C-alpha atoms as a PDB file:
ATOM      1  CA  MET A   1      17.227  23.461 -15.494  1.00  0.00           C
ATOM      2  CA  ASP A   2      18.285  23.742 -19.150  1.00  0.00           C
ATOM      3  CA  VAL A   3      16.527  22.078 -22.063  1.00  0.00           C
ATOM      4  CA  ILE A   4      18.917  19.088 -22.082  1.00  0.00           C
ATOM      5  CA  ASP A   5      18.061  18.347 -18.453  1.00  0.00           C
ATOM      6  CA  GLU A   6      14.367  18.719 -19.296  1.00  0.00           C
ATOM      7  CA  LEU A   7      14.825  16.355 -22.244  1.00  0.00           C
ATOM      8  CA  ASP A   8      16.633  13.770 -20.100  1.00  0.00           C
ATOM      9  CA  GLN A   9      13.946  13.946 -17.428  1.00  0.00           C
ATOM     10  CA  ARG A  10      11.177  13.098 -19.895  1.00  0.00           C
ATOM     11  CA  LYS A  11      13.364  10.615 -21.732  1.00  0.00           C
ATOM     12  CA  ARG A  12      13.592   8.579 -18.511  1.00  0.00           C
ATOM     13  CA  LYS A  13       9.812   8.588 -18.187  1.00  0.00           C
ATOM     14  CA  VAL A  14       9.400   7.215 -21.702  1.00  0.00           C
ATOM     15  CA  GLU A  15      12.161   4.651 -21.156  1.00  0.00           C
ATOM     16  CA  ASP A  16      10.446   3.519 -17.949  1.00  0.00           C
ATOM     17  CA  ARG A  17       7.204   3.073 -19.874  1.00  0.00           C
ATOM     18  CA  ILE A  18       9.046   1.131 -22.588  1.00  0.00           C
ATOM     19  CA  ASP A  19      10.619  -1.097 -19.923  1.00  0.00           C
ATOM     20  CA  GLN A  20       7.172  -1.788 -18.478  1.00  0.00           C
ATOM     21  CA  ILE A  21       5.953  -2.827 -21.921  1.00  0.00           C
ATOM     22  CA  PHE A  22       8.822  -5.221 -22.620  1.00  0.00           C
ATOM     23  CA  ASP A  23       9.507  -6.514 -19.093  1.00  0.00           C
ATOM     24  CA  GLY A  24       6.167  -8.249 -18.800  1.00  0.00           C
ATOM     25  CA  ASP A  25       5.515 -11.928 -19.409  1.00  0.00           C
ATOM     26  CA  ARG A  26       7.116 -11.922 -22.838  1.00  0.00           C
ATOM     27  CA  ASP A  27       8.464 -15.417 -23.458  1.00  0.00           C
ATOM     28  CA  HIS A  28       8.314 -15.210 -27.258  1.00  0.00           C
ATOM     29  CA  PRO A  29      11.672 -14.312 -28.914  1.00  0.00           C
ATOM     30  CA  LEU A  30       9.954 -11.682 -31.073  1.00  0.00           C
ATOM     31  CA  TRP A  31       9.688  -9.376 -28.046  1.00  0.00           C
ATOM     32  CA  ASN A  32      13.464  -9.227 -27.579  1.00  0.00           C
ATOM     33  CA  SER A  33      13.853  -8.198 -31.205  1.00  0.00           C
ATOM     34  CA  MET A  34      11.078  -5.612 -30.912  1.00  0.00           C
ATOM     35  CA  ALA A  35      12.740  -4.115 -27.824  1.00  0.00           C
ATOM     36  CA  TYR A  36      16.217  -3.811 -29.375  1.00  0.00           C
ATOM     37  CA  TYR A  37      15.893  -0.321 -30.899  1.00  0.00           C
ATOM     38  CA  PRO A  38      13.555   1.244 -28.312  1.00  0.00           C
ATOM     39  CA  ARG A  39      16.031   0.202 -25.603  1.00  0.00           C
ATOM     40  CA  ALA A  40      19.170   1.155 -27.539  1.00  0.00           C
ATOM     41  CA  GLY A  41      19.212   4.782 -26.434  1.00  0.00           C
ATOM     42  CA  GLY A  42      18.282   7.643 -28.704  1.00  0.00           C
ATOM     43  CA  LYS A  43      17.291  11.157 -27.737  1.00  0.00           C
ATOM     44  CA  LYS A  44      13.523  10.550 -27.481  1.00  0.00           C
ATOM     45  CA  LEU A  45      12.901  13.936 -29.119  1.00  0.00           C
ATOM     46  CA  ARG A  46       9.463  13.075 -30.439  1.00  0.00           C
ATOM     47  CA  PRO A  47       8.043  11.972 -27.074  1.00  0.00           C
ATOM     48  CA  PHE A  48       9.607  15.067 -25.506  1.00  0.00           C
ATOM     49  CA  LEU A  49       7.820  17.220 -28.049  1.00  0.00           C
ATOM     50  CA  VAL A  50       4.482  15.518 -27.324  1.00  0.00           C
ATOM     51  CA  MET A  51       4.811  16.073 -23.590  1.00  0.00           C
ATOM     52  CA  ILE A  52       6.075  19.658 -23.737  1.00  0.00           C
ATOM     53  CA  THR A  53       3.398  20.693 -26.216  1.00  0.00           C
ATOM     54  CA  THR A  54       0.742  19.135 -23.998  1.00  0.00           C
ATOM     55  CA  GLY A  55       2.132  21.084 -21.040  1.00  0.00           C
ATOM     56  CA  ALA A  56       2.133  24.289 -23.069  1.00  0.00           C
ATOM     57  CA  PHE A  57      -1.661  24.010 -23.216  1.00  0.00           C
ATOM     58  CA  ASP A  58      -1.946  23.590 -19.420  1.00  0.00           C
ATOM     59  CA  LYS A  59      -2.644  19.862 -19.521  1.00  0.00           C
ATOM     60  CA  SER A  60      -0.754  17.308 -17.411  1.00  0.00           C
ATOM     61  CA  GLU A  61       2.154  15.815 -19.334  1.00  0.00           C
ATOM     62  CA  GLU A  62       1.373  12.412 -17.827  1.00  0.00           C
ATOM     63  CA  VAL A  63      -1.823  12.207 -19.884  1.00  0.00           C
ATOM     64  CA  ALA A  64       0.321  12.417 -23.024  1.00  0.00           C
ATOM     65  CA  LEU A  65       2.686   9.584 -22.058  1.00  0.00           C
ATOM     66  CA  PRO A  66       0.846   6.750 -23.908  1.00  0.00           C
ATOM     67  CA  TYR A  67       0.718   8.764 -27.144  1.00  0.00           C
ATOM     68  CA  ALA A  68       4.351   9.835 -26.682  1.00  0.00           C
ATOM     69  CA  THR A  69       5.402   6.210 -26.202  1.00  0.00           C
ATOM     70  CA  ALA A  70       3.358   5.042 -29.181  1.00  0.00           C
ATOM     71  CA  LEU A  71       5.018   7.657 -31.373  1.00  0.00           C
ATOM     72  CA  GLU A  72       8.468   6.533 -30.207  1.00  0.00           C
ATOM     73  CA  LEU A  73       7.665   2.925 -31.119  1.00  0.00           C
ATOM     74  CA  VAL A  74       6.457   4.017 -34.559  1.00  0.00           C
ATOM     75  CA  HIS A  75       9.686   5.980 -34.998  1.00  0.00           C
ATOM     76  CA  ASN A  76      11.718   2.865 -34.165  1.00  0.00           C
ATOM     77  CA  PHE A  77       9.614   0.782 -36.552  1.00  0.00           C
ATOM     78  CA  THR A  78      10.564   3.203 -39.345  1.00  0.00           C
ATOM     79  CA  LEU A  79      14.246   3.010 -38.352  1.00  0.00           C
ATOM     80  CA  ILE A  80      14.285  -0.787 -38.582  1.00  0.00           C
ATOM     81  CA  HIS A  81      12.844  -0.750 -42.092  1.00  0.00           C
ATOM     82  CA  ASP A  82      14.952   2.240 -43.160  1.00  0.00           C
ATOM     83  CA  ASP A  83      18.166   0.511 -42.057  1.00  0.00           C
ATOM     84  CA  ILE A  84      17.252  -2.563 -44.080  1.00  0.00           C
ATOM     85  CA  MET A  85      16.503  -0.545 -47.216  1.00  0.00           C
ATOM     86  CA  ASP A  86      19.668   1.540 -46.809  1.00  0.00           C
ATOM     87  CA  LYS A  87      21.761  -1.530 -45.892  1.00  0.00           C
ATOM     88  CA  ASP A  88      23.082   0.345 -42.848  1.00  0.00           C
ATOM     89  CA  GLU A  89      25.225  -1.662 -40.436  1.00  0.00           C
ATOM     90  CA  MET A  90      25.335   0.654 -37.400  1.00  0.00           C
ATOM     91  CA  ARG A  91      22.621   2.456 -35.440  1.00  0.00           C
ATOM     92  CA  ARG A  92      23.269   4.340 -32.172  1.00  0.00           C
ATOM     93  CA  GLY A  93      26.727   2.824 -31.929  1.00  0.00           C
ATOM     94  CA  LYS A  94      25.482  -0.770 -32.221  1.00  0.00           C
ATOM     95  CA  ALA A  95      24.879  -3.254 -35.013  1.00  0.00           C
ATOM     96  CA  THR A  96      21.585  -2.654 -36.784  1.00  0.00           C
ATOM     97  CA  LEU A  97      18.833  -5.139 -36.030  1.00  0.00           C
ATOM     98  CA  HIS A  98      18.936  -6.819 -39.429  1.00  0.00           C
ATOM     99  CA  LYS A  99      22.693  -7.366 -39.095  1.00  0.00           C
ATOM    100  CA  ARG A 100      22.078  -9.115 -35.762  1.00  0.00           C
ATOM    101  CA  ILE A 101      19.096 -11.305 -36.594  1.00  0.00           C
ATOM    102  CA  GLY A 102      18.630 -11.185 -40.377  1.00  0.00           C
ATOM    103  CA  GLU A 103      16.377  -9.117 -42.604  1.00  0.00           C
ATOM    104  CA  ALA A 104      13.268 -11.304 -42.411  1.00  0.00           C
ATOM    105  CA  HIS A 105      13.268 -11.351 -38.603  1.00  0.00           C
ATOM    106  CA  ALA A 106      13.967  -7.602 -38.459  1.00  0.00           C
ATOM    107  CA  ILE A 107      11.065  -6.787 -40.787  1.00  0.00           C
ATOM    108  CA  ASN A 108       8.800  -8.902 -38.603  1.00  0.00           C
ATOM    109  CA  ALA A 109      10.006  -7.107 -35.446  1.00  0.00           C
ATOM    110  CA  GLY A 110       9.314  -3.757 -37.092  1.00  0.00           C
ATOM    111  CA  ASP A 111       5.804  -4.864 -37.989  1.00  0.00           C
ATOM    112  CA  GLY A 112       5.276  -5.934 -34.390  1.00  0.00           C
ATOM    113  CA  LEU A 113       6.360  -2.522 -33.094  1.00  0.00           C
ATOM    114  CA  PHE A 114       4.013  -0.807 -35.524  1.00  0.00           C
ATOM    115  CA  ALA A 115       1.004  -2.780 -34.297  1.00  0.00           C
ATOM    116  CA  LEU A 116       2.012  -2.431 -30.645  1.00  0.00           C
ATOM    117  CA  ALA A 117       2.190   1.351 -30.999  1.00  0.00           C
ATOM    118  CA  PHE A 118      -1.482   1.617 -31.903  1.00  0.00           C
ATOM    119  CA  LYS A 119      -2.430  -0.665 -29.016  1.00  0.00           C
ATOM    120  CA  ILE A 120      -0.583   1.663 -26.617  1.00  0.00           C
ATOM    121  CA  LEU A 121      -2.138   4.728 -28.232  1.00  0.00           C
ATOM    122  CA  SER A 122      -5.576   3.348 -27.363  1.00  0.00           C
ATOM    123  CA  ASN A 123      -4.672   3.725 -23.665  1.00  0.00           C
ATOM    124  CA  THR A 124      -4.500   7.524 -23.907  1.00  0.00           C
ATOM    125  CA  GLU A 125      -7.076   8.832 -21.429  1.00  0.00           C
ATOM    126  CA  VAL A 126      -8.768  11.520 -23.489  1.00  0.00           C
ATOM    127  CA  GLU A 127     -12.221  12.085 -24.943  1.00  0.00           C
ATOM    128  CA  ASP A 128     -13.259   9.852 -27.858  1.00  0.00           C
ATOM    129  CA  GLU A 129     -12.969  12.689 -30.387  1.00  0.00           C
ATOM    130  CA  LYS A 130      -9.442  13.514 -29.256  1.00  0.00           C
ATOM    131  CA  LEU A 131      -8.488   9.839 -29.472  1.00  0.00           C
ATOM    132  CA  ARG A 132      -9.843   9.743 -33.019  1.00  0.00           C
ATOM    133  CA  LEU A 133      -7.749  12.790 -33.920  1.00  0.00           C
ATOM    134  CA  LEU A 134      -4.626  11.240 -32.373  1.00  0.00           C
ATOM    135  CA  LEU A 135      -5.190   8.062 -34.369  1.00  0.00           C
ATOM    136  CA  GLU A 136      -5.535  10.175 -37.501  1.00  0.00           C
ATOM    137  CA  GLU A 137      -2.321  12.080 -36.726  1.00  0.00           C
ATOM    138  CA  LEU A 138      -0.257   8.969 -36.136  1.00  0.00           C
ATOM    139  CA  SER A 139      -1.597   6.997 -39.099  1.00  0.00           C
ATOM    140  CA  THR A 140      -1.233   9.990 -41.442  1.00  0.00           C
ATOM    141  CA  SER A 141       2.368  10.471 -40.361  1.00  0.00           C
ATOM    142  CA  VAL A 142       3.219   6.831 -41.132  1.00  0.00           C
ATOM    143  CA  VAL A 143       1.724   7.110 -44.623  1.00  0.00           C
ATOM    144  CA  LYS A 144       3.728  10.305 -45.216  1.00  0.00           C
ATOM    145  CA  VAL A 145       6.922   8.630 -43.978  1.00  0.00           C
ATOM    146  CA  ALA A 146       6.292   5.830 -46.482  1.00  0.00           C
ATOM    147  CA  GLU A 147       5.776   8.384 -49.274  1.00  0.00           C
ATOM    148  CA  GLY A 148       9.027  10.083 -48.312  1.00  0.00           C
ATOM    149  CA  GLN A 149      10.857   6.770 -48.202  1.00  0.00           C
ATOM    150  CA  GLU A 150       9.546   5.904 -51.666  1.00  0.00           C
ATOM    151  CA  GLU A 151      10.843   9.235 -52.988  1.00  0.00           C
ATOM    152  CA  ASP A 152      14.193   8.693 -51.263  1.00  0.00           C
ATOM    153  CA  ILE A 153      14.523   5.273 -52.899  1.00  0.00           C
ATOM    154  CA  SER A 154      13.698   6.746 -56.316  1.00  0.00           C
ATOM    155  CA  PHE A 155      16.409   9.383 -55.814  1.00  0.00           C
ATOM    156  CA  GLU A 156      18.973   6.560 -55.875  1.00  0.00           C
ATOM    157  CA  GLU A 157      18.331   6.240 -59.605  1.00  0.00           C
ATOM    158  CA  THR A 158      19.150   9.838 -60.573  1.00  0.00           C
ATOM    159  CA  TYR A 159      21.381  12.798 -59.798  1.00  0.00           C
ATOM    160  CA  ASP A 160      18.941  15.309 -61.260  1.00  0.00           C
ATOM    161  CA  ILE A 161      17.172  16.201 -58.026  1.00  0.00           C
ATOM    162  CA  THR A 162      16.192  19.746 -57.177  1.00  0.00           C
ATOM    163  CA  GLU A 163      16.484  21.251 -53.721  1.00  0.00           C
ATOM    164  CA  GLU A 164      12.704  21.646 -53.665  1.00  0.00           C
ATOM    165  CA  GLU A 165      12.201  17.936 -54.398  1.00  0.00           C
ATOM    166  CA  PHE A 166      14.676  16.965 -51.701  1.00  0.00           C
ATOM    167  CA  LEU A 167      13.102  19.211 -49.068  1.00  0.00           C
ATOM    168  CA  ASP A 168       9.668  17.804 -49.910  1.00  0.00           C
ATOM    169  CA  MET A 169      11.050  14.301 -49.359  1.00  0.00           C
ATOM    170  CA  ILE A 170      12.567  15.029 -45.939  1.00  0.00           C
ATOM    171  CA  GLU A 171       9.424  16.850 -44.835  1.00  0.00           C
ATOM    172  CA  LYS A 172       7.576  13.582 -45.348  1.00  0.00           C
ATOM    173  CA  LYS A 173      10.245  11.162 -44.184  1.00  0.00           C
ATOM    174  CA  THR A 174      11.436  13.113 -41.128  1.00  0.00           C
ATOM    175  CA  SER A 175       9.199  16.078 -40.337  1.00  0.00           C
ATOM    176  CA  TYR A 176       5.864  14.299 -40.285  1.00  0.00           C
ATOM    177  CA  LEU A 177       6.626  12.346 -37.112  1.00  0.00           C
ATOM    178  CA  PHE A 178       7.706  15.579 -35.420  1.00  0.00           C
ATOM    179  CA  ARG A 179       4.522  17.155 -36.755  1.00  0.00           C
ATOM    180  CA  ALA A 180       2.447  14.310 -35.314  1.00  0.00           C
ATOM    181  CA  ALA A 181       4.198  14.854 -31.977  1.00  0.00           C
ATOM    182  CA  ALA A 182       3.452  18.576 -31.726  1.00  0.00           C
ATOM    183  CA  ARG A 183      -0.047  18.388 -33.171  1.00  0.00           C
ATOM    184  CA  GLY A 184      -0.801  15.421 -30.930  1.00  0.00           C
ATOM    185  CA  GLY A 185       0.344  17.328 -27.860  1.00  0.00           C
ATOM    186  CA  ALA A 186      -1.816  20.290 -28.837  1.00  0.00           C
ATOM    187  CA  ILE A 187      -4.818  17.994 -29.356  1.00  0.00           C
ATOM    188  CA  ILE A 188      -4.351  16.356 -25.947  1.00  0.00           C
ATOM    189  CA  GLY A 189      -3.889  19.787 -24.389  1.00  0.00           C
ATOM    190  CA  GLY A 190      -7.130  21.088 -25.877  1.00  0.00           C
ATOM    191  CA  GLY A 191      -5.715  23.504 -28.441  1.00  0.00           C
ATOM    192  CA  ASP A 192      -8.043  25.005 -31.024  1.00  0.00           C
ATOM    193  CA  GLU A 193      -7.723  24.451 -34.768  1.00  0.00           C
ATOM    194  CA  GLU A 194      -5.346  27.386 -35.340  1.00  0.00           C
ATOM    195  CA  GLU A 195      -3.166  26.433 -32.384  1.00  0.00           C
ATOM    196  CA  ILE A 196      -2.926  22.837 -33.594  1.00  0.00           C
ATOM    197  CA  ARG A 197      -2.030  24.089 -37.079  1.00  0.00           C
ATOM    198  CA  SER A 198       0.694  26.415 -35.749  1.00  0.00           C
ATOM    199  CA  MET A 199       2.232  23.688 -33.614  1.00  0.00           C
ATOM    200  CA  GLY A 200       2.262  21.382 -36.622  1.00  0.00           C
ATOM    201  CA  GLU A 201       4.034  24.015 -38.724  1.00  0.00           C
ATOM    202  CA  TYR A 202       6.522  24.617 -35.923  1.00  0.00           C
ATOM    203  CA  ALA A 203       7.404  20.919 -35.856  1.00  0.00           C
ATOM    204  CA  ARG A 204       7.439  20.532 -39.645  1.00  0.00           C
ATOM    205  CA  LYS A 205      10.009  23.293 -40.038  1.00  0.00           C
ATOM    206  CA  MET A 206      12.006  22.061 -37.066  1.00  0.00           C
ATOM    207  CA  GLY A 207      12.082  18.571 -38.571  1.00  0.00           C
ATOM    208  CA  VAL A 208      13.635  19.855 -41.792  1.00  0.00           C
ATOM    209  CA  ALA A 209      16.317  21.688 -39.799  1.00  0.00           C
ATOM    210  CA  PHE A 210      16.912  18.503 -37.783  1.00  0.00           C
ATOM    211  CA  GLN A 211      17.449  16.372 -40.896  1.00  0.00           C
ATOM    212  CA  ILE A 212      19.790  18.884 -42.523  1.00  0.00           C
ATOM    213  CA  GLN A 213      21.878  18.856 -39.328  1.00  0.00           C
ATOM    214  CA  ASP A 214      21.819  15.042 -39.347  1.00  0.00           C
ATOM    215  CA  ASP A 215      23.268  14.972 -42.863  1.00  0.00           C
ATOM    216  CA  TYR A 216      25.809  17.638 -41.910  1.00  0.00           C
ATOM    217  CA  LEU A 217      27.035  15.542 -38.969  1.00  0.00           C
ATOM    218  CA  ASP A 218      27.514  12.563 -41.264  1.00  0.00           C
ATOM    219  CA  LEU A 219      30.021  14.610 -43.252  1.00  0.00           C
ATOM    220  CA  VAL A 220      31.895  16.491 -40.548  1.00  0.00           C
ATOM    221  CA  GLY A 221      30.806  15.000 -37.205  1.00  0.00           C
ATOM    222  CA  ASP A 222      32.712  13.024 -34.591  1.00  0.00           C
ATOM    223  CA  GLU A 223      32.431   9.261 -35.222  1.00  0.00           C
ATOM    224  CA  ASN A 224      32.473   8.534 -31.484  1.00  0.00           C
ATOM    225  CA  LYS A 225      29.522  10.869 -30.959  1.00  0.00           C
ATOM    226  CA  ILE A 226      27.316  10.031 -33.934  1.00  0.00           C
ATOM    227  CA  GLY A 227      27.767   6.258 -33.599  1.00  0.00           C
ATOM    228  CA  LYS A 228      28.725   5.553 -37.210  1.00  0.00           C
ATOM    229  CA  ASP A 229      31.505   6.248 -39.687  1.00  0.00           C
ATOM    230  CA  VAL A 230      31.783   9.862 -40.795  1.00  0.00           C
ATOM    231  CA  GLY A 231      31.191  10.042 -44.528  1.00  0.00           C
ATOM    232  CA  SER A 232      29.023   6.916 -44.562  1.00  0.00           C
ATOM    233  CA  ASP A 233      26.418   8.743 -46.656  1.00  0.00           C
ATOM    234  CA  ILE A 234      29.069   9.340 -49.321  1.00  0.00           C
ATOM    235  CA  LYS A 235      30.182   5.704 -49.164  1.00  0.00           C
ATOM    236  CA  GLU A 236      26.581   4.673 -49.708  1.00  0.00           C
ATOM    237  CA  GLY A 237      26.038   7.194 -52.503  1.00  0.00           C
ATOM    238  CA  LYS A 238      23.192   8.930 -50.691  1.00  0.00           C
ATOM    239  CA  ARG A 239      21.675  12.076 -52.176  1.00  0.00           C
ATOM    240  CA  THR A 240      21.784  14.501 -49.268  1.00  0.00           C
ATOM    241  CA  LEU A 241      21.033  18.207 -49.537  1.00  0.00           C
ATOM    242  CA  MET A 242      24.754  18.981 -49.597  1.00  0.00           C
ATOM    243  CA  VAL A 243      25.406  16.498 -52.386  1.00  0.00           C
ATOM    244  CA  ILE A 244      22.464  17.802 -54.421  1.00  0.00           C
ATOM    245  CA  ASN A 245      23.633  21.399 -54.043  1.00  0.00           C
ATOM    246  CA  ALA A 246      27.210  20.488 -54.907  1.00  0.00           C
ATOM    247  CA  LEU A 247      26.118  18.669 -58.061  1.00  0.00           C
ATOM    248  CA  SER A 248      24.115  21.699 -59.170  1.00  0.00           C
ATOM    249  CA  GLU A 249      26.955  24.168 -58.526  1.00  0.00           C
ATOM    250  CA  LEU A 250      30.157  22.359 -59.526  1.00  0.00           C
ATOM    251  CA  PRO A 251      31.660  22.694 -63.013  1.00  0.00           C
ATOM    252  CA  GLU A 252      31.185  19.646 -65.217  1.00  0.00           C
ATOM    253  CA  GLN A 253      34.535  17.915 -64.550  1.00  0.00           C
ATOM    254  CA  LYS A 254      34.264  18.230 -60.789  1.00  0.00           C
ATOM    255  CA  ARG A 255      30.629  17.164 -60.953  1.00  0.00           C
ATOM    256  CA  LYS A 256      31.616  14.011 -62.834  1.00  0.00           C
ATOM    257  CA  ARG A 257      34.342  13.259 -60.284  1.00  0.00           C
ATOM    258  CA  LEU A 258      31.895  13.573 -57.382  1.00  0.00           C
ATOM    259  CA  ILE A 259      29.434  11.254 -59.134  1.00  0.00           C
ATOM    260  CA  GLU A 260      32.231   8.713 -59.716  1.00  0.00           C
ATOM    261  CA  ILE A 261      32.974   8.633 -55.995  1.00  0.00           C
ATOM    262  CA  LEU A 262      29.292   8.378 -55.076  1.00  0.00           C
ATOM    263  CA  GLU A 263      28.813   5.448 -57.452  1.00  0.00           C
ATOM    264  CA  LYS A 264      31.906   3.528 -56.338  1.00  0.00           C
ATOM    265  CA  GLU A 265      31.142   0.727 -53.890  1.00  0.00           C
ATOM    266  CA  ASP A 266      34.344   0.668 -51.805  1.00  0.00           C
ATOM    267  CA  ASN A 267      35.712   4.168 -51.479  1.00  0.00           C
ATOM    268  CA  THR A 268      39.085   4.812 -49.891  1.00  0.00           C
ATOM    269  CA  THR A 269      39.540   7.360 -47.121  1.00  0.00           C
ATOM    270  CA  GLU A 270      41.264   9.601 -49.643  1.00  0.00           C
ATOM    271  CA  GLU A 271      38.286   9.425 -52.009  1.00  0.00           C
ATOM    272  CA  ILE A 272      35.924  10.338 -49.175  1.00  0.00           C
ATOM    273  CA  ARG A 273      38.152  13.332 -48.406  1.00  0.00           C
ATOM    274  CA  LYS A 274      38.107  14.279 -52.093  1.00  0.00           C
ATOM    275  CA  ALA A 275      34.310  14.188 -52.164  1.00  0.00           C
ATOM    276  CA  LEU A 276      34.171  16.358 -49.044  1.00  0.00           C
ATOM    277  CA  GLY A 277      36.536  18.823 -50.683  1.00  0.00           C
ATOM    278  CA  LEU A 278      34.342  19.030 -53.778  1.00  0.00           C
ATOM    279  CA  ILE A 279      31.257  19.603 -51.648  1.00  0.00           C
ATOM    280  CA  GLU A 280      33.081  22.343 -49.751  1.00  0.00           C
ATOM    281  CA  ASP A 281      34.268  23.912 -53.037  1.00  0.00           C
ATOM    282  CA  ALA A 282      30.624  24.256 -54.054  1.00  0.00           C
ATOM    283  CA  LYS A 283      29.883  25.970 -50.713  1.00  0.00           C
ATOM    284  CA  ALA A 284      27.171  23.350 -50.254  1.00  0.00           C
ATOM    285  CA  ILE A 285      27.970  22.739 -46.581  1.00  0.00           C
ATOM    286  CA  GLN A 286      27.584  26.404 -45.684  1.00  0.00           C
ATOM    287  CA  HIS A 287      24.399  26.645 -47.741  1.00  0.00           C
ATOM    288  CA  SER A 288      22.917  23.712 -45.851  1.00  0.00           C
ATOM    289  CA  LYS A 289      23.846  25.209 -42.477  1.00  0.00           C
ATOM    290  CA  ASP A 290      22.290  28.522 -43.487  1.00  0.00           C
ATOM    291  CA  LEU A 291      19.124  26.776 -44.634  1.00  0.00           C
ATOM    292  CA  ALA A 292      18.879  24.811 -41.378  1.00  0.00           C
ATOM    293  CA  HIS A 293      19.095  28.058 -39.400  1.00  0.00           C
ATOM    294  CA  GLU A 294      16.451  29.629 -41.648  1.00  0.00           C
ATOM    295  CA  TYR A 295      14.043  26.751 -41.004  1.00  0.00           C
ATOM    296  CA  ALA A 296      14.831  26.899 -37.285  1.00  0.00           C
ATOM    297  CA  GLU A 297      13.972  30.595 -37.050  1.00  0.00           C
ATOM    298  CA  GLU A 298      10.766  30.064 -39.018  1.00  0.00           C
ATOM    299  CA  ALA A 299       9.851  27.227 -36.658  1.00  0.00           C
ATOM    300  CA  LYS A 300      10.305  29.416 -33.586  1.00  0.00           C
ATOM    301  CA  SER A 301       8.180  32.161 -35.130  1.00  0.00           C
ATOM    302  CA  GLU A 302       5.204  29.759 -35.071  1.00  0.00           C
ATOM    303  CA  LEU A 303       5.362  29.763 -31.261  1.00  0.00           C
ATOM    304  CA  GLU A 304       3.999  33.309 -31.060  1.00  0.00           C
ATOM    305  CA  ILE A 305       0.575  31.760 -30.392  1.00  0.00           C
ATOM    306  CA  LEU A 306       1.815  30.515 -27.004  1.00  0.00           C
ATOM    307  CA  PRO A 307       2.070  32.629 -23.853  1.00  0.00           C
ATOM    308  CA  ASP A 308       5.551  33.309 -22.511  1.00  0.00           C
ATOM    309  CA  GLY A 309       6.669  30.766 -19.945  1.00  0.00           C
ATOM    310  CA  LYS A 310       8.790  27.678 -19.383  1.00  0.00           C
ATOM    311  CA  TYR A 311       7.072  25.546 -22.023  1.00  0.00           C
ATOM    312  CA  LYS A 312       7.458  28.114 -24.771  1.00  0.00           C
ATOM    313  CA  ARG A 313      11.096  28.562 -23.747  1.00  0.00           C
ATOM    314  CA  MET A 314      11.713  24.804 -23.948  1.00  0.00           C
ATOM    315  CA  LEU A 315      10.085  24.605 -27.373  1.00  0.00           C
ATOM    316  CA  GLU A 316      12.366  27.394 -28.590  1.00  0.00           C
ATOM    317  CA  GLU A 317      15.473  25.907 -27.005  1.00  0.00           C
ATOM    318  CA  ILE A 318      14.895  22.426 -28.404  1.00  0.00           C
ATOM    319  CA  VAL A 319      15.010  23.934 -31.903  1.00  0.00           C
ATOM    320  CA  ASP A 320      18.365  25.557 -31.127  1.00  0.00           C
ATOM    321  CA  PHE A 321      19.601  22.252 -29.730  1.00  0.00           C
ATOM    322  CA  MET A 322      18.617  20.381 -32.880  1.00  0.00           C
ATOM    323  CA  ILE A 323      20.756  22.552 -35.151  1.00  0.00           C
ATOM    324  CA  SER A 324      23.746  22.801 -32.793  1.00  0.00           C
ATOM    325  CA  ARG A 325      23.922  19.195 -31.574  1.00  0.00           C
ATOM    326  CA  GLU A 326      26.983  17.063 -32.267  1.00  0.00           C
ATOM    327  CA  LYS A 327      25.262  13.678 -32.366  1.00  0.00           C
END
């Protein structure tokens, strides 16, 4: 069984748990809104990471299922709010929640998911100290995501962003939930302090590689696979790693032209192509791919603390999947 089959197997377990949560006696309309993103597909990478890391420490994966599910609900809470702030219209091939029901209702649904996640977390059958540590991991990750989101919003006001500043932002906004997944799995599994630290570093570095690949797919991916228009980040003027690198490398005239396209509200297909060409001229796409691979290799090196076996193999292979995926 390859890592995709392993991922799908655990994805179904989490989806079954999500169905149990939302199929109960839920006659209030809020519950349908809360269920929209968790039931809209997605790879369920973070729950997978929780369960595999738990297994790597010789603990039953089933024990980790409440924490894995809670983390997935928190992830979807962040997506709802992120889509509102970014004014995104599509998510996983469907209309975003705020486009379907309005911003106020969507914010409320996100808040409901956030609270529900911590209720589910409390059902994790571990010792009190481990439960305290899991609560700390999850709450810390949400604060870090908020910090990263604040930085991302502030980036909209400037083009003078360094690569270091950008990487710090995506570590908070993206990597911290992966970090909470791997550290949480190690905590449930009974890992010691150094093992928990190493698993957190593994996930942090993997998360950066994941986000770089996400931005790459927005530029050159297949619209049918990624579930949104290719080049949407350019249309929205987003400061991705590739854009930041291009702006730092291009000569002044080309830099000005790229900024003009990024600032324009309704870009034509030709203008999107022009922006892509400028980014390619700066070799920013290749630089980003190289950096993603560098982070991926560093992530895998953190797994040296684990014994060889199927769980270590899966943790290595999921990193490779994240930087080679097409959606």
